[in-house]
Amino acid sequence: PGVTDLYFVGFAPDGAHPGFVADVDNAQRAMDGRCNTSGRSVVLVNSPLTVAERPFASVTHLRKVLLEIGDVIDADDDVVMVYLAGSSGED
């Protein structure tokens, strides 16, 4: 209580492009190193290379992660950063 904790959630639903996976991994490393989110960060990614090691990036898993974080944070002090990596386009 009284201390602002930062939480990091990275989300890369398009693992077909390795750049998106690298993007969220780099963002997590930067946040863990510079903002002390280690132990309070998670990356969800869709990649055949990490399917056995990392949570799958689905809307259902993202919702579960955010609900679980919501259960443990102090809403008056803490901050949750959600980092989305993927293609942009009209739709």
PDB file of N, CA and C in Angstrom:
ATOM      1  N   PRO A   1       0.823  -1.208   0.000  1.00  0.00           N
ATOM      2  CA  PRO A   1       0.000   0.000   0.000  1.00  0.00           C
ATOM      3  C   PRO A   1       0.861   1.264   0.000  1.00  0.00           C
ATOM      4  N   GLY A   2       0.418   2.249  -0.753  1.00  0.00           N
ATOM      5  CA  GLY A   2       1.142   3.502  -0.810  1.00  0.00           C
ATOM      6  C   GLY A   2       2.294   3.520  -1.797  1.00  0.00           C
ATOM      7  N   VAL A   3       2.586   2.388  -2.409  1.00  0.00           N
ATOM      8  CA  VAL A   3       3.665   2.284  -3.396  1.00  0.00           C
ATOM      9  C   VAL A   3       3.040   1.928  -4.737  1.00  0.00           C
ATOM     10  N   THR A   4       3.419   2.655  -5.788  1.00  0.00           N
ATOM     11  CA  THR A   4       2.889   2.370  -7.112  1.00  0.00           C
ATOM     12  C   THR A   4       3.673   1.222  -7.746  1.00  0.00           C
ATOM     13  N   ASP A   5       2.985   0.137  -8.025  1.00  0.00           N
ATOM     14  CA  ASP A   5       3.572  -1.005  -8.723  1.00  0.00           C
ATOM     15  C   ASP A   5       3.080  -0.974 -10.168  1.00  0.00           C
ATOM     16  N   LEU A   6       3.985  -1.265 -11.093  1.00  0.00           N
ATOM     17  CA  LEU A   6       3.649  -1.326 -12.502  1.00  0.00           C
ATOM     18  C   LEU A   6       3.591  -2.777 -12.934  1.00  0.00           C
ATOM     19  N   TYR A   7       2.549  -3.133 -13.665  1.00  0.00           N
ATOM     20  CA  TYR A   7       2.367  -4.467 -14.218  1.00  0.00           C
ATOM     21  C   TYR A   7       2.420  -4.358 -15.733  1.00  0.00           C
ATOM     22  N   PHE A   8       3.031  -5.356 -16.380  1.00  0.00           N
ATOM     23  CA  PHE A   8       3.166  -5.350 -17.835  1.00  0.00           C
ATOM     24  C   PHE A   8       2.509  -6.589 -18.425  1.00  0.00           C
ATOM     25  N   VAL A   9       1.655  -6.369 -19.426  1.00  0.00           N
ATOM     26  CA  VAL A   9       1.045  -7.463 -20.171  1.00  0.00           C
ATOM     27  C   VAL A   9       1.334  -7.214 -21.648  1.00  0.00           C
ATOM     28  N   GLY A  10       2.086  -8.130 -22.272  1.00  0.00           N
ATOM     29  CA  GLY A  10       2.354  -8.056 -23.699  1.00  0.00           C
ATOM     30  C   GLY A  10       1.467  -9.039 -24.436  1.00  0.00           C
ATOM     31  N   PHE A  11       0.967  -8.631 -25.595  1.00  0.00           N
ATOM     32  CA  PHE A  11       0.007  -9.441 -26.338  1.00  0.00           C
ATOM     33  C   PHE A  11       0.386  -9.415 -27.820  1.00  0.00           C
ATOM     34  N   ALA A  12       0.777 -10.569 -28.359  1.00  0.00           N
ATOM     35  CA  ALA A  12       1.157 -10.690 -29.771  1.00  0.00           C
ATOM     36  C   ALA A  12       0.363 -11.822 -30.405  1.00  0.00           C
ATOM     37  N   PRO A  13      -0.824 -11.533 -30.929  1.00  0.00           N
ATOM     38  CA  PRO A  13      -1.671 -12.591 -31.453  1.00  0.00           C
ATOM     39  C   PRO A  13      -1.249 -13.132 -32.812  1.00  0.00           C
ATOM     40  N   ASP A  14      -0.330 -12.461 -33.507  1.00  0.00           N
ATOM     41  CA  ASP A  14       0.086 -12.908 -34.833  1.00  0.00           C
ATOM     42  C   ASP A  14       1.538 -13.369 -34.800  1.00  0.00           C
ATOM     43  N   GLY A  15       1.751 -14.597 -34.356  1.00  0.00           N
ATOM     44  CA  GLY A  15       3.101 -15.134 -34.249  1.00  0.00           C
ATOM     45  C   GLY A  15       3.677 -15.597 -35.567  1.00  0.00           C
ATOM     46  N   ALA A  16       2.898 -15.494 -36.641  1.00  0.00           N
ATOM     47  CA  ALA A  16       3.417 -15.863 -37.953  1.00  0.00           C
ATOM     48  C   ALA A  16       4.522 -14.907 -38.384  1.00  0.00           C
ATOM     49  N   HIS A  17       4.496 -13.717 -37.830  1.00  0.00           N
ATOM     50  CA  HIS A  17       5.534 -12.722 -38.098  1.00  0.00           C
ATOM     51  C   HIS A  17       6.463 -12.665 -36.891  1.00  0.00           C
ATOM     52  N   PRO A  18       7.661 -13.225 -36.974  1.00  0.00           N
ATOM     53  CA  PRO A  18       8.569 -13.260 -35.824  1.00  0.00           C
ATOM     54  C   PRO A  18       8.873 -11.884 -35.241  1.00  0.00           C
ATOM     55  N   GLY A  19       8.715 -10.850 -36.062  1.00  0.00           N
ATOM     56  CA  GLY A  19       8.969  -9.495 -35.572  1.00  0.00           C
ATOM     57  C   GLY A  19       8.033  -9.092 -34.455  1.00  0.00           C
ATOM     58  N   PHE A  20       6.793  -9.559 -34.496  1.00  0.00           N
ATOM     59  CA  PHE A  20       5.838  -9.214 -33.439  1.00  0.00           C
ATOM     60  C   PHE A  20       6.212  -9.876 -32.121  1.00  0.00           C
ATOM     61  N   VAL A  21       6.671 -11.125 -32.196  1.00  0.00           N
ATOM     62  CA  VAL A  21       7.109 -11.833 -30.991  1.00  0.00           C
ATOM     63  C   VAL A  21       8.326 -11.131 -30.400  1.00  0.00           C
ATOM     64  N   ALA A  22       9.283 -10.795 -31.253  1.00  0.00           N
ATOM     65  CA  ALA A  22      10.476 -10.077 -30.788  1.00  0.00           C
ATOM     66  C   ALA A  22      10.100  -8.729 -30.201  1.00  0.00           C
ATOM     67  N   ASP A  23       9.103  -8.072 -30.783  1.00  0.00           N
ATOM     68  CA  ASP A  23       8.663  -6.762 -30.308  1.00  0.00           C
ATOM     69  C   ASP A  23       8.153  -6.835 -28.869  1.00  0.00           C
ATOM     70  N   VAL A  24       7.257  -7.780 -28.580  1.00  0.00           N
ATOM     71  CA  VAL A  24       6.738  -7.868 -27.215  1.00  0.00           C
ATOM     72  C   VAL A  24       7.800  -8.371 -26.247  1.00  0.00           C
ATOM     73  N   ASP A  25       8.683  -9.261 -26.707  1.00  0.00           N
ATOM     74  CA  ASP A  25       9.774  -9.722 -25.846  1.00  0.00           C
ATOM     75  C   ASP A  25      10.703  -8.562 -25.481  1.00  0.00           C
ATOM     76  N   ASN A  26      11.032  -7.730 -26.450  1.00  0.00           N
ATOM     77  CA  ASN A  26      11.876  -6.564 -26.180  1.00  0.00           C
ATOM     78  C   ASN A  26      11.186  -5.579 -25.255  1.00  0.00           C
ATOM     79  N   ALA A  27       9.892  -5.391 -25.451  1.00  0.00           N
ATOM     80  CA  ALA A  27       9.143  -4.488 -24.570  1.00  0.00           C
ATOM     81  C   ALA A  27       9.131  -5.024 -23.139  1.00  0.00           C
ATOM     82  N   GLN A  28       8.936  -6.327 -22.981  1.00  0.00           N
ATOM     83  CA  GLN A  28       8.948  -6.921 -21.646  1.00  0.00           C
ATOM     84  C   GLN A  28      10.313  -6.764 -20.983  1.00  0.00           C
ATOM     85  N   ARG A  29      11.377  -7.042 -21.729  1.00  0.00           N
ATOM     86  CA  ARG A  29      12.721  -6.880 -21.171  1.00  0.00           C
ATOM     87  C   ARG A  29      12.979  -5.441 -20.749  1.00  0.00           C
ATOM     88  N   ALA A  30      12.552  -4.496 -21.566  1.00  0.00           N
ATOM     89  CA  ALA A  30      12.748  -3.089 -21.236  1.00  0.00           C
ATOM     90  C   ALA A  30      11.962  -2.713 -19.981  1.00  0.00           C
ATOM     91  N   MET A  31      10.725  -3.152 -19.902  1.00  0.00           N
ATOM     92  CA  MET A  31       9.900  -2.826 -18.730  1.00  0.00           C
ATOM     93  C   MET A  31      10.443  -3.509 -17.477  1.00  0.00           C
ATOM     94  N   ASP A  32      10.836  -4.779 -17.608  1.00  0.00           N
ATOM     95  CA  ASP A  32      11.395  -5.490 -16.455  1.00  0.00           C
ATOM     96  C   ASP A  32      12.675  -4.812 -15.975  1.00  0.00           C
ATOM     97  N   GLY A  33      13.520  -4.389 -16.910  1.00  0.00           N
ATOM     98  CA  GLY A  33      14.805  -3.796 -16.544  1.00  0.00           C
ATOM     99  C   GLY A  33      14.715  -2.363 -16.076  1.00  0.00           C
ATOM    100  N   ARG A  34      13.915  -1.566 -16.741  1.00  0.00           N
ATOM    101  CA  ARG A  34      13.859  -0.130 -16.436  1.00  0.00           C
ATOM    102  C   ARG A  34      12.780   0.255 -15.431  1.00  0.00           C
ATOM    103  N   CYS A  35      11.704  -0.511 -15.423  1.00  0.00           N
ATOM    104  CA  CYS A  35      10.550  -0.131 -14.589  1.00  0.00           C
ATOM    105  C   CYS A  35      10.238  -1.146 -13.506  1.00  0.00           C
ATOM    106  N   ASN A  36      11.142  -2.113 -13.313  1.00  0.00           N
ATOM    107  CA  ASN A  36      11.023  -3.087 -12.234  1.00  0.00           C
ATOM    108  C   ASN A  36       9.710  -3.878 -12.272  1.00  0.00           C
ATOM    109  N   THR A  37       9.301  -4.318 -13.464  1.00  0.00           N
ATOM    110  CA  THR A  37       8.089  -5.135 -13.561  1.00  0.00           C
ATOM    111  C   THR A  37       8.379  -6.634 -13.468  1.00  0.00           C
ATOM    112  N   SER A  38       9.637  -7.000 -13.283  1.00  0.00           N
ATOM    113  CA  SER A  38       9.989  -8.412 -13.178  1.00  0.00           C
ATOM    114  C   SER A  38       9.163  -9.056 -12.065  1.00  0.00           C
ATOM    115  N   GLY A  39       8.519 -10.164 -12.379  1.00  0.00           N
ATOM    116  CA  GLY A  39       7.633 -10.806 -11.421  1.00  0.00           C
ATOM    117  C   GLY A  39       6.204 -10.282 -11.515  1.00  0.00           C
ATOM    118  N   ARG A  40       6.041  -9.183 -12.276  1.00  0.00           N
ATOM    119  CA  ARG A  40       4.713  -8.615 -12.495  1.00  0.00           C
ATOM    120  C   ARG A  40       4.497  -8.368 -13.987  1.00  0.00           C
ATOM    121  N   SER A  41       5.082  -9.253 -14.811  1.00  0.00           N
ATOM    122  CA  SER A  41       4.912  -9.101 -16.254  1.00  0.00           C
ATOM    123  C   SER A  41       4.622 -10.454 -16.886  1.00  0.00           C
ATOM    124  N   VAL A  42       3.864 -10.410 -17.964  1.00  0.00           N
ATOM    125  CA  VAL A  42       3.515 -11.625 -18.696  1.00  0.00           C
ATOM    126  C   VAL A  42       3.385 -11.263 -20.169  1.00  0.00           C
ATOM    127  N   VAL A  43       3.780 -12.197 -21.024  1.00  0.00           N
ATOM    128  CA  VAL A  43       3.605 -12.035 -22.462  1.00  0.00           C
ATOM    129  C   VAL A  43       2.773 -13.198 -22.974  1.00  0.00           C
ATOM    130  N   LEU A  44       1.731 -12.878 -23.702  1.00  0.00           N
ATOM    131  CA  LEU A  44       0.913 -13.880 -24.377  1.00  0.00           C
ATOM    132  C   LEU A  44       1.238 -13.778 -25.857  1.00  0.00           C
ATOM    133  N   VAL A  45       1.558 -14.915 -26.478  1.00  0.00           N
ATOM    134  CA  VAL A  45       2.010 -14.884 -27.863  1.00  0.00           C
ATOM    135  C   VAL A  45       1.545 -16.132 -28.612  1.00  0.00           C
ATOM    136  N   ASN A  46       1.185 -15.956 -29.855  1.00  0.00           N
ATOM    137  CA  ASN A  46       0.814 -17.080 -30.713  1.00  0.00           C
ATOM    138  C   ASN A  46       1.994 -17.390 -31.617  1.00  0.00           C
ATOM    139  N   SER A  47       2.756 -18.363 -31.230  1.00  0.00           N
ATOM    140  CA  SER A  47       3.901 -18.766 -32.044  1.00  0.00           C
ATOM    141  C   SER A  47       4.096 -20.268 -31.920  1.00  0.00           C
ATOM    142  N   PRO A  48       4.251 -20.955 -33.047  1.00  0.00           N
ATOM    143  CA  PRO A  48       4.493 -22.392 -32.966  1.00  0.00           C
ATOM    144  C   PRO A  48       5.813 -22.720 -32.270  1.00  0.00           C
ATOM    145  N   LEU A  49       6.707 -21.764 -32.198  1.00  0.00           N
ATOM    146  CA  LEU A  49       8.006 -21.989 -31.555  1.00  0.00           C
ATOM    147  C   LEU A  49       7.917 -21.966 -30.032  1.00  0.00           C
ATOM    148  N   THR A  50       6.853 -21.355 -29.483  1.00  0.00           N
ATOM    149  CA  THR A  50       6.771 -21.209 -28.027  1.00  0.00           C
ATOM    150  C   THR A  50       5.477 -21.769 -27.439  1.00  0.00           C
ATOM    151  N   VAL A  51       4.742 -22.549 -28.224  1.00  0.00           N
ATOM    152  CA  VAL A  51       3.424 -23.005 -27.779  1.00  0.00           C
ATOM    153  C   VAL A  51       3.475 -23.821 -26.477  1.00  0.00           C
ATOM    154  N   ALA A  52       4.545 -24.536 -26.222  1.00  0.00           N
ATOM    155  CA  ALA A  52       4.647 -25.339 -25.009  1.00  0.00           C
ATOM    156  C   ALA A  52       5.200 -24.546 -23.823  1.00  0.00           C
ATOM    157  N   GLU A  53       5.688 -23.343 -24.074  1.00  0.00           N
ATOM    158  CA  GLU A  53       6.363 -22.582 -23.022  1.00  0.00           C
ATOM    159  C   GLU A  53       5.649 -21.305 -22.599  1.00  0.00           C
ATOM    160  N   ARG A  54       4.781 -20.784 -23.449  1.00  0.00           N
ATOM    161  CA  ARG A  54       4.197 -19.477 -23.162  1.00  0.00           C
ATOM    162  C   ARG A  54       2.691 -19.496 -23.355  1.00  0.00           C
ATOM    163  N   PRO A  55       1.980 -18.661 -22.632  1.00  0.00           N
ATOM    164  CA  PRO A  55       0.522 -18.607 -22.795  1.00  0.00           C
ATOM    165  C   PRO A  55       0.124 -18.166 -24.200  1.00  0.00           C
ATOM    166  N   PHE A  56      -0.933 -18.760 -24.691  1.00  0.00           N
ATOM    167  CA  PHE A  56      -1.463 -18.462 -26.012  1.00  0.00           C
ATOM    168  C   PHE A  56      -2.167 -17.113 -25.997  1.00  0.00           C
ATOM    169  N   ALA A  57      -1.946 -16.303 -27.021  1.00  0.00           N
ATOM    170  CA  ALA A  57      -2.530 -14.964 -27.095  1.00  0.00           C
ATOM    171  C   ALA A  57      -3.936 -15.030 -27.687  1.00  0.00           C
ATOM    172  N   SER A  58      -4.892 -15.254 -26.821  1.00  0.00           N
ATOM    173  CA  SER A  58      -6.296 -15.231 -27.237  1.00  0.00           C
ATOM    174  C   SER A  58      -7.007 -14.179 -26.392  1.00  0.00           C
ATOM    175  N   VAL A  59      -8.147 -13.743 -26.851  1.00  0.00           N
ATOM    176  CA  VAL A  59      -8.920 -12.769 -26.087  1.00  0.00           C
ATOM    177  C   VAL A  59      -9.315 -13.370 -24.738  1.00  0.00           C
ATOM    178  N   THR A  60      -9.616 -14.656 -24.721  1.00  0.00           N
ATOM    179  CA  THR A  60      -9.979 -15.325 -23.473  1.00  0.00           C
ATOM    180  C   THR A  60      -8.825 -15.298 -22.479  1.00  0.00           C
ATOM    181  N   HIS A  61      -7.614 -15.622 -22.927  1.00  0.00           N
ATOM    182  CA  HIS A  61      -6.453 -15.596 -22.026  1.00  0.00           C
ATOM    183  C   HIS A  61      -6.121 -14.183 -21.585  1.00  0.00           C
ATOM    184  N   LEU A  62      -6.237 -13.219 -22.487  1.00  0.00           N
ATOM    185  CA  LEU A  62      -5.985 -11.826 -22.112  1.00  0.00           C
ATOM    186  C   LEU A  62      -6.967 -11.379 -21.037  1.00  0.00           C
ATOM    187  N   ARG A  63      -8.221 -11.715 -21.211  1.00  0.00           N
ATOM    188  CA  ARG A  63      -9.237 -11.364 -20.214  1.00  0.00           C
ATOM    189  C   ARG A  63      -8.911 -11.998 -18.867  1.00  0.00           C
ATOM    190  N   LYS A  64      -8.521 -13.286 -18.868  1.00  0.00           N
ATOM    191  CA  LYS A  64      -8.186 -13.975 -17.616  1.00  0.00           C
ATOM    192  C   LYS A  64      -6.992 -13.321 -16.926  1.00  0.00           C
ATOM    193  N   VAL A  65      -5.968 -12.996 -17.695  1.00  0.00           N
ATOM    194  CA  VAL A  65      -4.781 -12.352 -17.121  1.00  0.00           C
ATOM    195  C   VAL A  65      -5.160 -11.010 -16.497  1.00  0.00           C
ATOM    196  N   LEU A  66      -5.928 -10.215 -17.233  1.00  0.00           N
ATOM    197  CA  LEU A  66      -6.301  -8.897 -16.710  1.00  0.00           C
ATOM    198  C   LEU A  66      -7.207  -9.002 -15.482  1.00  0.00           C
ATOM    199  N   LEU A  67      -8.092  -9.988 -15.472  1.00  0.00           N
ATOM    200  CA  LEU A  67      -8.942 -10.185 -14.286  1.00  0.00           C
ATOM    201  C   LEU A  67      -8.111 -10.615 -13.078  1.00  0.00           C
ATOM    202  N   GLU A  68      -7.126 -11.505 -13.315  1.00  0.00           N
ATOM    203  CA  GLU A  68      -6.264 -11.940 -12.210  1.00  0.00           C
ATOM    204  C   GLU A  68      -5.418 -10.783 -11.682  1.00  0.00           C
ATOM    205  N   ILE A  69      -4.888  -9.976 -12.582  1.00  0.00           N
ATOM    206  CA  ILE A  69      -4.131  -8.803 -12.134  1.00  0.00           C
ATOM    207  C   ILE A  69      -5.053  -7.862 -11.374  1.00  0.00           C
ATOM    208  N   GLY A  70      -6.259  -7.690 -11.881  1.00  0.00           N
ATOM    209  CA  GLY A  70      -7.224  -6.822 -11.209  1.00  0.00           C
ATOM    210  C   GLY A  70      -7.542  -7.270  -9.797  1.00  0.00           C
ATOM    211  N   ASP A  71      -7.449  -8.571  -9.552  1.00  0.00           N
ATOM    212  CA  ASP A  71      -7.713  -9.100  -8.210  1.00  0.00           C
ATOM    213  C   ASP A  71      -6.588  -8.796  -7.222  1.00  0.00           C
ATOM    214  N   VAL A  72      -5.361  -8.549  -7.719  1.00  0.00           N
ATOM    215  CA  VAL A  72      -4.230  -8.371  -6.802  1.00  0.00           C
ATOM    216  C   VAL A  72      -3.711  -6.942  -6.712  1.00  0.00           C
ATOM    217  N   ILE A  73      -4.070  -6.093  -7.675  1.00  0.00           N
ATOM    218  CA  ILE A  73      -3.527  -4.732  -7.639  1.00  0.00           C
ATOM    219  C   ILE A  73      -4.263  -3.860  -6.638  1.00  0.00           C
ATOM    220  N   ASP A  74      -3.617  -2.787  -6.274  1.00  0.00           N
ATOM    221  CA  ASP A  74      -4.252  -1.719  -5.513  1.00  0.00           C
ATOM    222  C   ASP A  74      -4.695  -0.688  -6.546  1.00  0.00           C
ATOM    223  N   ALA A  75      -5.969  -0.644  -6.823  1.00  0.00           N
ATOM    224  CA  ALA A  75      -6.492   0.203  -7.898  1.00  0.00           C
ATOM    225  C   ALA A  75      -6.204   1.684  -7.687  1.00  0.00           C
ATOM    226  N   ASP A  76      -5.933   2.087  -6.473  1.00  0.00           N
ATOM    227  CA  ASP A  76      -5.635   3.497  -6.201  1.00  0.00           C
ATOM    228  C   ASP A  76      -4.185   3.848  -6.483  1.00  0.00           C
ATOM    229  N   ASP A  77      -3.297   2.849  -6.483  1.00  0.00           N
ATOM    230  CA  ASP A  77      -1.864   3.127  -6.621  1.00  0.00           C
ATOM    231  C   ASP A  77      -1.204   2.485  -7.842  1.00  0.00           C
ATOM    232  N   ASP A  78      -1.650   1.328  -8.244  1.00  0.00           N
ATOM    233  CA  ASP A  78      -0.925   0.544  -9.233  1.00  0.00           C
ATOM    234  C   ASP A  78      -1.359   0.875 -10.662  1.00  0.00           C
ATOM    235  N   VAL A  79      -0.479   0.521 -11.615  1.00  0.00           N
ATOM    236  CA  VAL A  79      -0.712   0.782 -13.037  1.00  0.00           C
ATOM    237  C   VAL A  79      -0.494  -0.517 -13.806  1.00  0.00           C
ATOM    238  N   VAL A  80      -1.376  -0.783 -14.761  1.00  0.00           N
ATOM    239  CA  VAL A  80      -1.237  -1.945 -15.636  1.00  0.00           C
ATOM    240  C   VAL A  80      -1.035  -1.429 -17.059  1.00  0.00           C
ATOM    241  N   MET A  81       0.077  -1.840 -17.668  1.00  0.00           N
ATOM    242  CA  MET A  81       0.358  -1.462 -19.050  1.00  0.00           C
ATOM    243  C   MET A  81       0.103  -2.661 -19.940  1.00  0.00           C
ATOM    244  N   VAL A  82      -0.748  -2.486 -20.945  1.00  0.00           N
ATOM    245  CA  VAL A  82      -1.017  -3.533 -21.923  1.00  0.00           C
ATOM    246  C   VAL A  82      -0.363  -3.110 -23.230  1.00  0.00           C
ATOM    247  N   TYR A  83       0.547  -3.944 -23.717  1.00  0.00           N
ATOM    248  CA  TYR A  83       1.310  -3.663 -24.934  1.00  0.00           C
ATOM    249  C   TYR A  83       0.845  -4.615 -26.017  1.00  0.00           C
ATOM    250  N   LEU A  84       0.293  -4.071 -27.085  1.00  0.00           N
ATOM    251  CA  LEU A  84      -0.225  -4.887 -28.181  1.00  0.00           C
ATOM    252  C   LEU A  84       0.718  -4.794 -29.364  1.00  0.00           C
ATOM    253  N   ALA A  85       1.084  -5.933 -29.935  1.00  0.00           N
ATOM    254  CA  ALA A  85       1.946  -5.956 -31.115  1.00  0.00           C
ATOM    255  C   ALA A  85       1.219  -6.683 -32.234  1.00  0.00           C
ATOM    256  N   GLY A  86       1.184  -6.067 -33.396  1.00  0.00           N
ATOM    257  CA  GLY A  86       0.535  -6.703 -34.520  1.00  0.00           C
ATOM    258  C   GLY A  86       0.418  -5.764 -35.699  1.00  0.00           C
ATOM    259  N   SER A  87      -0.190  -6.273 -36.730  1.00  0.00           N
ATOM    260  CA  SER A  87      -0.381  -5.491 -37.948  1.00  0.00           C
ATOM    261  C   SER A  87      -1.441  -4.422 -37.731  1.00  0.00           C
ATOM    262  N   SER A  88      -1.311  -3.362 -38.452  1.00  0.00           N
ATOM    263  CA  SER A  88      -2.354  -2.342 -38.426  1.00  0.00           C
ATOM    264  C   SER A  88      -2.959  -2.261 -39.822  1.00  0.00           C
ATOM    265  N   GLY A  89      -4.172  -1.877 -39.869  1.00  0.00           N
ATOM    266  CA  GLY A  89      -4.851  -1.771 -41.151  1.00  0.00           C
ATOM    267  C   GLY A  89      -6.232  -1.190 -40.945  1.00  0.00           C
ATOM    268  N   GLU A  90      -6.943  -1.037 -42.025  1.00  0.00           N
ATOM    269  CA  GLU A  90      -8.282  -0.441 -41.947  1.00  0.00           C
ATOM    270  C   GLU A  90      -9.238  -1.249 -41.095  1.00  0.00           C
ATOM    271  N   ASP A  91      -9.091  -2.570 -41.112  1.00  0.00           N
ATOM    272  CA  ASP A  91     -10.027  -3.403 -40.359  1.00  0.00           C
ATOM    273  C   ASP A  91      -9.327  -4.098 -39.204  1.00  0.00           C
TER     274      ASP A  91
END
